[in-house]
Amino acid sequence: MLLLECGDARLRHGPSHVLEWTRATYRLGELKAECSARAEGSDVVKRFWFGEATAEVREVPGTLADAGTGHAVWDASIALAMLLGNRTPRSAVELGCGCALPSAVLAGRCRVVATDARACLVESLRIPGVETRVLDWSRCDGDQSFDLVMGAEILYTAPDVVPLARALRALVAPRGMALLVSLARRRPLLETLASRLRDAFDLSFDLHELTGSTDDNVARVTVDDTDAVTLVVVEARRRRNE
């Protein structure tokens, strides 16, 4: 994840090493978050400030075997962490957690479980107060349920819709909810997911713009664009009679 060029000591991080700042500010409507990035060996450690709350996560090297897309902090993960605000569910689980920023934000407020299908990512997580587990959505059996099920940029392809719908049905507790954040262009996939949940959940879709700025004099602050990215936020609340 770290690239030093010609003595310039330029820190490159994020998916595909597209980010080069060391401190950035994000805004989502009236919400604000700040982030600092620093190198620790081959890793990049990112510390976030959400008002008085803080959270720290580690981006592991992109060469980690089978890391896939989970080795870095994505824009949707930052937005989801911001939307958690002062939520205090009794229990929460993150699906497709990668670096697990949203889980880190909730650590200490409630029981938090960070899950991913890739064991190498789960094994690399070291976040105080966060349990970790390898989870295959297609094999969720409903032996545990959570007040809040959350995921950031976890739905990429049509074949993932059915397993994710199954996981949400199994994991969201009665009167609980799911909170999903993705790039706006993935809305068709999310609407297909919603069609499989409407019998048991009340769903809402909202668009939000995440903007970023930095003092490092670089053009790209968010992963998906120069200084802004449009995201779709889905809330799925389980009906009381379910």
C-alpha atoms as a PDB file:
ATOM      1  CA  MET A   1       0.000   0.000   0.000  1.00  0.00           C
ATOM      2  CA  LEU A   2       2.921   2.363   0.569  1.00  0.00           C
ATOM      3  CA  LEU A   3       4.943   3.836  -2.280  1.00  0.00           C
ATOM      4  CA  LEU A   4       7.900   6.201  -1.759  1.00  0.00           C
ATOM      5  CA  GLU A   5       9.057   7.962  -4.939  1.00  0.00           C
ATOM      6  CA  CYS A   6      12.458   9.626  -5.503  1.00  0.00           C
ATOM      7  CA  GLY A   7      12.789  10.746  -1.914  1.00  0.00           C
ATOM      8  CA  ASP A   8       9.428  12.510  -2.166  1.00  0.00           C
ATOM      9  CA  ALA A   9       8.007  10.302   0.637  1.00  0.00           C
ATOM     10  CA  ARG A  10       4.598  10.427  -0.973  1.00  0.00           C
ATOM     11  CA  LEU A  11       2.121   8.220   0.833  1.00  0.00           C
ATOM     12  CA  ARG A  12      -0.138   6.320  -1.559  1.00  0.00           C
ATOM     13  CA  HIS A  13      -3.095   4.439  -0.172  1.00  0.00           C
ATOM     14  CA  GLY A  14      -6.678   3.446  -0.775  1.00  0.00           C
ATOM     15  CA  PRO A  15      -7.862   1.043  -3.475  1.00  0.00           C
ATOM     16  CA  SER A  16      -5.341   0.876  -6.352  1.00  0.00           C
ATOM     17  CA  HIS A  17      -3.118   3.420  -4.531  1.00  0.00           C
ATOM     18  CA  VAL A  18      -5.202   6.299  -5.936  1.00  0.00           C
ATOM     19  CA  LEU A  19      -4.969   8.510  -2.827  1.00  0.00           C
ATOM     20  CA  GLU A  20      -1.922  10.562  -1.888  1.00  0.00           C
ATOM     21  CA  TRP A  21      -3.004  12.797   0.974  1.00  0.00           C
ATOM     22  CA  THR A  22      -2.006  12.506   4.628  1.00  0.00           C
ATOM     23  CA  ARG A  23      -4.963  14.405   6.091  1.00  0.00           C
ATOM     24  CA  ALA A  24      -8.437  14.903   4.652  1.00  0.00           C
ATOM     25  CA  THR A  25     -11.854  16.222   5.674  1.00  0.00           C
ATOM     26  CA  TYR A  26     -15.089  14.579   4.539  1.00  0.00           C
ATOM     27  CA  ARG A  27     -18.619  15.980   4.583  1.00  0.00           C
ATOM     28  CA  LEU A  28     -21.929  14.189   4.140  1.00  0.00           C
ATOM     29  CA  GLY A  29     -24.670  16.784   4.362  1.00  0.00           C
ATOM     30  CA  GLU A  30     -24.242  18.305   7.818  1.00  0.00           C
ATOM     31  CA  LEU A  31     -22.015  15.449   8.976  1.00  0.00           C
ATOM     32  CA  LYS A  32     -18.253  15.876   9.088  1.00  0.00           C
ATOM     33  CA  ALA A  33     -15.291  13.514   9.529  1.00  0.00           C
ATOM     34  CA  GLU A  34     -11.551  14.017   9.468  1.00  0.00           C
ATOM     35  CA  CYS A  35      -8.894  11.438   8.650  1.00  0.00           C
ATOM     36  CA  SER A  36      -5.131  11.219   8.955  1.00  0.00           C
ATOM     37  CA  ALA A  37      -3.013   8.584   7.188  1.00  0.00           C
ATOM     38  CA  ARG A  38       0.409   7.387   8.216  1.00  0.00           C
ATOM     39  CA  ALA A  39       2.735   4.564   7.175  1.00  0.00           C
ATOM     40  CA  GLU A  40       3.591   1.701   9.488  1.00  0.00           C
ATOM     41  CA  GLY A  41       5.897  -0.626   7.600  1.00  0.00           C
ATOM     42  CA  SER A  42       4.024  -1.811   4.528  1.00  0.00           C
ATOM     43  CA  ASP A  43       0.643  -0.894   6.047  1.00  0.00           C
ATOM     44  CA  VAL A  44      -1.201   2.424   6.183  1.00  0.00           C
ATOM     45  CA  VAL A  45      -2.959   3.317   9.413  1.00  0.00           C
ATOM     46  CA  LYS A  46      -5.932   5.646   9.140  1.00  0.00           C
ATOM     47  CA  ARG A  47      -7.341   7.491  12.127  1.00  0.00           C
ATOM     48  CA  PHE A  48     -10.798   9.040  11.817  1.00  0.00           C
ATOM     49  CA  TRP A  49     -12.469  11.700  13.920  1.00  0.00           C
ATOM     50  CA  PHE A  50     -16.278  11.825  13.941  1.00  0.00           C
ATOM     51  CA  GLY A  51     -16.883  14.735  16.266  1.00  0.00           C
ATOM     52  CA  GLU A  52     -15.757  13.493  19.669  1.00  0.00           C
ATOM     53  CA  ALA A  53     -15.641   9.859  18.531  1.00  0.00           C
ATOM     54  CA  THR A  54     -12.501   8.368  16.990  1.00  0.00           C
ATOM     55  CA  ALA A  55     -11.711   5.146  15.172  1.00  0.00           C
ATOM     56  CA  GLU A  56      -8.507   3.696  13.785  1.00  0.00           C
ATOM     57  CA  VAL A  57      -8.148   1.038  11.073  1.00  0.00           C
ATOM     58  CA  ARG A  58      -5.295  -0.495   9.135  1.00  0.00           C
ATOM     59  CA  GLU A  59      -5.066  -0.862   5.350  1.00  0.00           C
ATOM     60  CA  VAL A  60      -3.154  -4.065   4.668  1.00  0.00           C
ATOM     61  CA  PRO A  61      -0.900  -4.534   1.627  1.00  0.00           C
ATOM     62  CA  GLY A  62      -2.838  -5.050  -1.586  1.00  0.00           C
ATOM     63  CA  THR A  63      -0.666  -8.066  -2.319  1.00  0.00           C
ATOM     64  CA  LEU A  64      -2.161  -9.972   0.605  1.00  0.00           C
ATOM     65  CA  ALA A  65      -3.376 -13.282  -0.789  1.00  0.00           C
ATOM     66  CA  ASP A  66      -7.077 -13.225  -1.670  1.00  0.00           C
ATOM     67  CA  ALA A  67      -7.520  -9.731  -0.241  1.00  0.00           C
ATOM     68  CA  GLY A  68      -9.695  -8.742  -3.193  1.00  0.00           C
ATOM     69  CA  THR A  69     -11.355  -5.362  -2.629  1.00  0.00           C
ATOM     70  CA  GLY A  70     -11.208  -5.489   1.156  1.00  0.00           C
ATOM     71  CA  HIS A  71      -7.684  -4.285   1.800  1.00  0.00           C
ATOM     72  CA  ALA A  72      -8.486  -0.551   1.823  1.00  0.00           C
ATOM     73  CA  VAL A  73     -11.037   1.968   3.136  1.00  0.00           C
ATOM     74  CA  TRP A  74     -13.676   2.809   0.520  1.00  0.00           C
ATOM     75  CA  ASP A  75     -15.785   5.971   0.291  1.00  0.00           C
ATOM     76  CA  ALA A  76     -18.969   4.073   1.144  1.00  0.00           C
ATOM     77  CA  SER A  77     -17.351   2.787   4.338  1.00  0.00           C
ATOM     78  CA  ILE A  78     -16.540   6.332   5.426  1.00  0.00           C
ATOM     79  CA  ALA A  79     -20.103   7.448   4.703  1.00  0.00           C
ATOM     80  CA  LEU A  80     -21.571   4.497   6.606  1.00  0.00           C
ATOM     81  CA  ALA A  81     -19.358   5.281   9.585  1.00  0.00           C
ATOM     82  CA  MET A  82     -20.561   8.887   9.497  1.00  0.00           C
ATOM     83  CA  LEU A  83     -24.216   7.832   9.319  1.00  0.00           C
ATOM     84  CA  LEU A  84     -23.844   5.672  12.410  1.00  0.00           C
ATOM     85  CA  GLY A  85     -23.577   8.903  14.382  1.00  0.00           C
ATOM     86  CA  ASN A  86     -24.650   8.333  17.970  1.00  0.00           C
ATOM     87  CA  ARG A  87     -26.518   5.104  17.263  1.00  0.00           C
ATOM     88  CA  THR A  88     -26.337   2.711  20.192  1.00  0.00           C
ATOM     89  CA  PRO A  89     -27.802  -0.624  19.094  1.00  0.00           C
ATOM     90  CA  ARG A  90     -27.536  -3.502  21.540  1.00  0.00           C
ATOM     91  CA  SER A  91     -25.681  -5.512  18.902  1.00  0.00           C
ATOM     92  CA  ALA A  92     -24.323  -4.946  15.405  1.00  0.00           C
ATOM     93  CA  VAL A  93     -22.714  -7.009  12.670  1.00  0.00           C
ATOM     94  CA  GLU A  94     -20.852  -5.750   9.614  1.00  0.00           C
ATOM     95  CA  LEU A  95     -20.993  -7.766   6.397  1.00  0.00           C
ATOM     96  CA  GLY A  96     -18.085  -7.734   3.935  1.00  0.00           C
ATOM     97  CA  CYS A  97     -16.199  -5.673   6.482  1.00  0.00           C
ATOM     98  CA  GLY A  98     -12.758  -5.381   4.824  1.00  0.00           C
ATOM     99  CA  CYS A  99     -10.907  -2.890   7.066  1.00  0.00           C
ATOM    100  CA  ALA A 100     -14.046  -2.670   9.259  1.00  0.00           C
ATOM    101  CA  LEU A 101     -14.225   1.099   9.799  1.00  0.00           C
ATOM    102  CA  PRO A 102     -17.969   1.094  10.682  1.00  0.00           C
ATOM    103  CA  SER A 103     -17.337  -1.690  13.200  1.00  0.00           C
ATOM    104  CA  ALA A 104     -14.499   0.310  14.728  1.00  0.00           C
ATOM    105  CA  VAL A 105     -16.824   3.312  15.134  1.00  0.00           C
ATOM    106  CA  LEU A 106     -19.330   1.253  17.134  1.00  0.00           C
ATOM    107  CA  ALA A 107     -16.694  -0.507  19.253  1.00  0.00           C
ATOM    108  CA  GLY A 108     -17.338   0.156  22.910  1.00  0.00           C
ATOM    109  CA  ARG A 109     -20.971   1.161  22.396  1.00  0.00           C
ATOM    110  CA  CYS A 110     -22.360  -2.347  21.942  1.00  0.00           C
ATOM    111  CA  ARG A 111     -21.438  -5.857  20.924  1.00  0.00           C
ATOM    112  CA  VAL A 112     -19.924  -5.624  17.422  1.00  0.00           C
ATOM    113  CA  VAL A 113     -19.015  -8.467  15.067  1.00  0.00           C
ATOM    114  CA  ALA A 114     -17.034  -7.768  11.875  1.00  0.00           C
ATOM    115  CA  THR A 115     -17.406 -10.441   9.190  1.00  0.00           C
ATOM    116  CA  ASP A 116     -15.994 -11.147   5.769  1.00  0.00           C
ATOM    117  CA  ALA A 117     -15.897 -14.172   3.482  1.00  0.00           C
ATOM    118  CA  ARG A 118     -12.103 -13.948   3.203  1.00  0.00           C
ATOM    119  CA  ALA A 119     -10.287 -15.449   6.155  1.00  0.00           C
ATOM    120  CA  CYS A 120      -7.073 -13.511   5.431  1.00  0.00           C
ATOM    121  CA  LEU A 121      -8.880 -10.199   5.956  1.00  0.00           C
ATOM    122  CA  VAL A 122     -10.669 -11.335   9.100  1.00  0.00           C
ATOM    123  CA  GLU A 123      -7.411 -12.632  10.568  1.00  0.00           C
ATOM    124  CA  SER A 124      -5.684  -9.294   9.886  1.00  0.00           C
ATOM    125  CA  LEU A 125      -8.208  -7.270  11.924  1.00  0.00           C
ATOM    126  CA  ARG A 126      -7.041  -6.070  15.319  1.00  0.00           C
ATOM    127  CA  ILE A 127      -9.698  -3.646  16.549  1.00  0.00           C
ATOM    128  CA  PRO A 128     -10.271  -3.512  20.325  1.00  0.00           C
ATOM    129  CA  GLY A 129     -13.852  -4.323  21.233  1.00  0.00           C
ATOM    130  CA  VAL A 130     -14.711  -5.896  17.866  1.00  0.00           C
ATOM    131  CA  GLU A 131     -15.284  -9.622  17.422  1.00  0.00           C
ATOM    132  CA  THR A 132     -14.346 -11.134  14.055  1.00  0.00           C
ATOM    133  CA  ARG A 133     -15.780 -14.006  12.081  1.00  0.00           C
ATOM    134  CA  VAL A 134     -15.537 -15.547   8.619  1.00  0.00           C
ATOM    135  CA  LEU A 135     -19.062 -15.553   7.161  1.00  0.00           C
ATOM    136  CA  ASP A 136     -20.489 -17.053   3.990  1.00  0.00           C
ATOM    137  CA  TRP A 137     -23.809 -15.326   3.254  1.00  0.00           C
ATOM    138  CA  SER A 138     -25.237 -18.402   1.575  1.00  0.00           C
ATOM    139  CA  ARG A 139     -24.758 -20.394   4.783  1.00  0.00           C
ATOM    140  CA  CYS A 140     -26.335 -18.050   7.316  1.00  0.00           C
ATOM    141  CA  ASP A 141     -28.599 -20.184   9.485  1.00  0.00           C
ATOM    142  CA  GLY A 142     -30.088 -17.557  11.777  1.00  0.00           C
ATOM    143  CA  ASP A 143     -28.519 -18.928  14.958  1.00  0.00           C
ATOM    144  CA  GLN A 144     -27.735 -15.323  15.940  1.00  0.00           C
ATOM    145  CA  SER A 145     -29.508 -12.069  15.169  1.00  0.00           C
ATOM    146  CA  PHE A 146     -28.499  -8.410  15.552  1.00  0.00           C
ATOM    147  CA  ASP A 147     -30.271  -5.108  16.067  1.00  0.00           C
ATOM    148  CA  LEU A 148     -28.151  -3.560  13.303  1.00  0.00           C
ATOM    149  CA  VAL A 149     -26.753  -5.280  10.212  1.00  0.00           C
ATOM    150  CA  MET A 150     -24.537  -2.980   8.148  1.00  0.00           C
ATOM    151  CA  GLY A 151     -22.532  -3.109   4.958  1.00  0.00           C
ATOM    152  CA  ALA A 152     -20.573  -0.685   2.783  1.00  0.00           C
ATOM    153  CA  GLU A 153     -20.077  -1.371  -0.932  1.00  0.00           C
ATOM    154  CA  ILE A 154     -20.769  -5.080  -0.562  1.00  0.00           C
ATOM    155  CA  LEU A 155     -23.052  -5.755  -3.528  1.00  0.00           C
ATOM    156  CA  TYR A 156     -21.191  -5.882  -6.843  1.00  0.00           C
ATOM    157  CA  THR A 157     -22.841  -8.549  -9.009  1.00  0.00           C
ATOM    158  CA  ALA A 158     -26.282 -10.058  -9.576  1.00  0.00           C
ATOM    159  CA  PRO A 159     -25.300 -13.516  -8.236  1.00  0.00           C
ATOM    160  CA  ASP A 160     -24.658 -11.911  -4.837  1.00  0.00           C
ATOM    161  CA  VAL A 161     -28.250 -10.680  -4.450  1.00  0.00           C
ATOM    162  CA  VAL A 162     -29.812 -13.954  -3.321  1.00  0.00           C
ATOM    163  CA  PRO A 163     -27.115 -14.829  -0.747  1.00  0.00           C
ATOM    164  CA  LEU A 164     -27.205 -11.292   0.675  1.00  0.00           C
ATOM    165  CA  ALA A 165     -31.000 -11.360   0.944  1.00  0.00           C
ATOM    166  CA  ARG A 166     -30.729 -14.660   2.796  1.00  0.00           C
ATOM    167  CA  ALA A 167     -28.113 -13.239   5.142  1.00  0.00           C
ATOM    168  CA  LEU A 168     -30.251 -10.190   5.960  1.00  0.00           C
ATOM    169  CA  ARG A 169     -33.285 -12.334   6.673  1.00  0.00           C
ATOM    170  CA  ALA A 170     -31.214 -14.531   8.978  1.00  0.00           C
ATOM    171  CA  LEU A 171     -29.270 -11.814  10.777  1.00  0.00           C
ATOM    172  CA  VAL A 172     -31.649  -8.853  11.291  1.00  0.00           C
ATOM    173  CA  ALA A 173     -33.420  -9.278  14.619  1.00  0.00           C
ATOM    174  CA  PRO A 174     -37.137  -8.637  15.098  1.00  0.00           C
ATOM    175  CA  ARG A 175     -37.560  -4.826  15.092  1.00  0.00           C
ATOM    176  CA  GLY A 176     -33.943  -4.555  13.911  1.00  0.00           C
ATOM    177  CA  MET A 177     -32.676  -2.944  10.743  1.00  0.00           C
ATOM    178  CA  ALA A 178     -30.093  -3.165   7.983  1.00  0.00           C
ATOM    179  CA  LEU A 179     -28.129  -0.146   6.790  1.00  0.00           C
ATOM    180  CA  LEU A 180     -26.345  -0.457   3.435  1.00  0.00           C
ATOM    181  CA  VAL A 181     -24.291   2.151   1.570  1.00  0.00           C
ATOM    182  CA  SER A 182     -23.082   1.773  -2.030  1.00  0.00           C
ATOM    183  CA  LEU A 183     -22.089   3.842  -5.031  1.00  0.00           C
ATOM    184  CA  ALA A 184     -25.183   5.264  -6.703  1.00  0.00           C
ATOM    185  CA  ARG A 185     -24.513   3.284  -9.861  1.00  0.00           C
ATOM    186  CA  ARG A 186     -25.224   0.094  -7.922  1.00  0.00           C
ATOM    187  CA  ARG A 187     -28.807   1.147  -7.240  1.00  0.00           C
ATOM    188  CA  PRO A 188     -30.286  -1.370  -9.736  1.00  0.00           C
ATOM    189  CA  LEU A 189     -28.678  -4.218  -7.793  1.00  0.00           C
ATOM    190  CA  LEU A 190     -29.936  -2.797  -4.512  1.00  0.00           C
ATOM    191  CA  GLU A 191     -33.457  -2.487  -5.905  1.00  0.00           C
ATOM    192  CA  THR A 192     -33.317  -6.144  -6.941  1.00  0.00           C
ATOM    193  CA  LEU A 193     -32.236  -6.963  -3.393  1.00  0.00           C
ATOM    194  CA  ALA A 194     -35.113  -4.879  -2.034  1.00  0.00           C
ATOM    195  CA  SER A 195     -37.606  -6.801  -4.148  1.00  0.00           C
ATOM    196  CA  ARG A 196     -36.598  -9.947  -2.255  1.00  0.00           C
ATOM    197  CA  LEU A 197     -37.061  -8.325   1.140  1.00  0.00           C
ATOM    198  CA  ARG A 198     -40.280  -6.314   0.830  1.00  0.00           C
ATOM    199  CA  ASP A 199     -42.445  -9.039   2.351  1.00  0.00           C
ATOM    200  CA  ALA A 200     -40.629  -8.681   5.675  1.00  0.00           C
ATOM    201  CA  PHE A 201     -38.944  -5.246   5.629  1.00  0.00           C
ATOM    202  CA  ASP A 202     -39.883  -1.608   5.131  1.00  0.00           C
ATOM    203  CA  LEU A 203     -37.270  -0.112   2.818  1.00  0.00           C
ATOM    204  CA  SER A 204     -36.114   3.384   1.932  1.00  0.00           C
ATOM    205  CA  PHE A 205     -33.569   4.684  -0.581  1.00  0.00           C
ATOM    206  CA  ASP A 206     -31.743   8.003  -0.254  1.00  0.00           C
ATOM    207  CA  LEU A 207     -28.977   9.643  -2.271  1.00  0.00           C
ATOM    208  CA  HIS A 208     -26.136  11.412  -0.490  1.00  0.00           C
ATOM    209  CA  GLU A 209     -23.036  13.211  -1.744  1.00  0.00           C
ATOM    210  CA  LEU A 210     -19.770  12.601   0.063  1.00  0.00           C
ATOM    211  CA  THR A 211     -17.308  15.431  -0.506  1.00  0.00           C
ATOM    212  CA  GLY A 212     -13.673  15.619   0.455  1.00  0.00           C
ATOM    213  CA  SER A 213     -10.953  18.226   0.840  1.00  0.00           C
ATOM    214  CA  THR A 214      -7.297  18.120   1.829  1.00  0.00           C
ATOM    215  CA  ASP A 215      -4.425  20.435   2.655  1.00  0.00           C
ATOM    216  CA  ASP A 216      -1.965  18.238   0.745  1.00  0.00           C
ATOM    217  CA  ASN A 217      -2.551  19.985  -2.597  1.00  0.00           C
ATOM    218  CA  VAL A 218      -3.752  16.833  -4.375  1.00  0.00           C
ATOM    219  CA  ALA A 219      -6.675  16.550  -6.762  1.00  0.00           C
ATOM    220  CA  ARG A 220      -8.199  13.249  -5.730  1.00  0.00           C
ATOM    221  CA  VAL A 221      -9.659  12.981  -2.236  1.00  0.00           C
ATOM    222  CA  THR A 222     -12.407  10.389  -2.647  1.00  0.00           C
ATOM    223  CA  VAL A 223     -11.736   7.084  -4.363  1.00  0.00           C
ATOM    224  CA  ASP A 224     -14.417   7.362  -7.026  1.00  0.00           C
ATOM    225  CA  ASP A 225     -14.012  10.968  -8.176  1.00  0.00           C
ATOM    226  CA  THR A 226     -11.884  14.100  -7.670  1.00  0.00           C
ATOM    227  CA  ASP A 227     -13.598  15.635  -4.668  1.00  0.00           C
ATOM    228  CA  ALA A 228     -17.101  14.140  -4.470  1.00  0.00           C
ATOM    229  CA  VAL A 229     -18.962  10.862  -4.887  1.00  0.00           C
ATOM    230  CA  THR A 230     -22.698  10.101  -4.962  1.00  0.00           C
ATOM    231  CA  LEU A 231     -23.861   7.249  -2.752  1.00  0.00           C
ATOM    232  CA  VAL A 232     -27.148   5.450  -2.236  1.00  0.00           C
ATOM    233  CA  VAL A 233     -28.169   4.625   1.322  1.00  0.00           C
ATOM    234  CA  VAL A 234     -30.666   1.828   1.929  1.00  0.00           C
ATOM    235  CA  GLU A 235     -32.475   1.337   5.232  1.00  0.00           C
ATOM    236  CA  ALA A 236     -34.351  -1.910   5.686  1.00  0.00           C
ATOM    237  CA  ARG A 237     -36.407  -2.080   8.894  1.00  0.00           C
ATOM    238  CA  ARG A 238     -37.874  -5.404   9.915  1.00  0.00           C
ATOM    239  CA  ARG A 239     -41.597  -5.232  10.478  1.00  0.00           C
ATOM    240  CA  ARG A 240     -42.766  -5.865  14.018  1.00  0.00           C
ATOM    241  CA  ASN A 241     -44.959  -8.777  13.043  1.00  0.00           C
ATOM    242  CA  GLU A 242     -42.073 -10.619  11.400  1.00  0.00           C
END
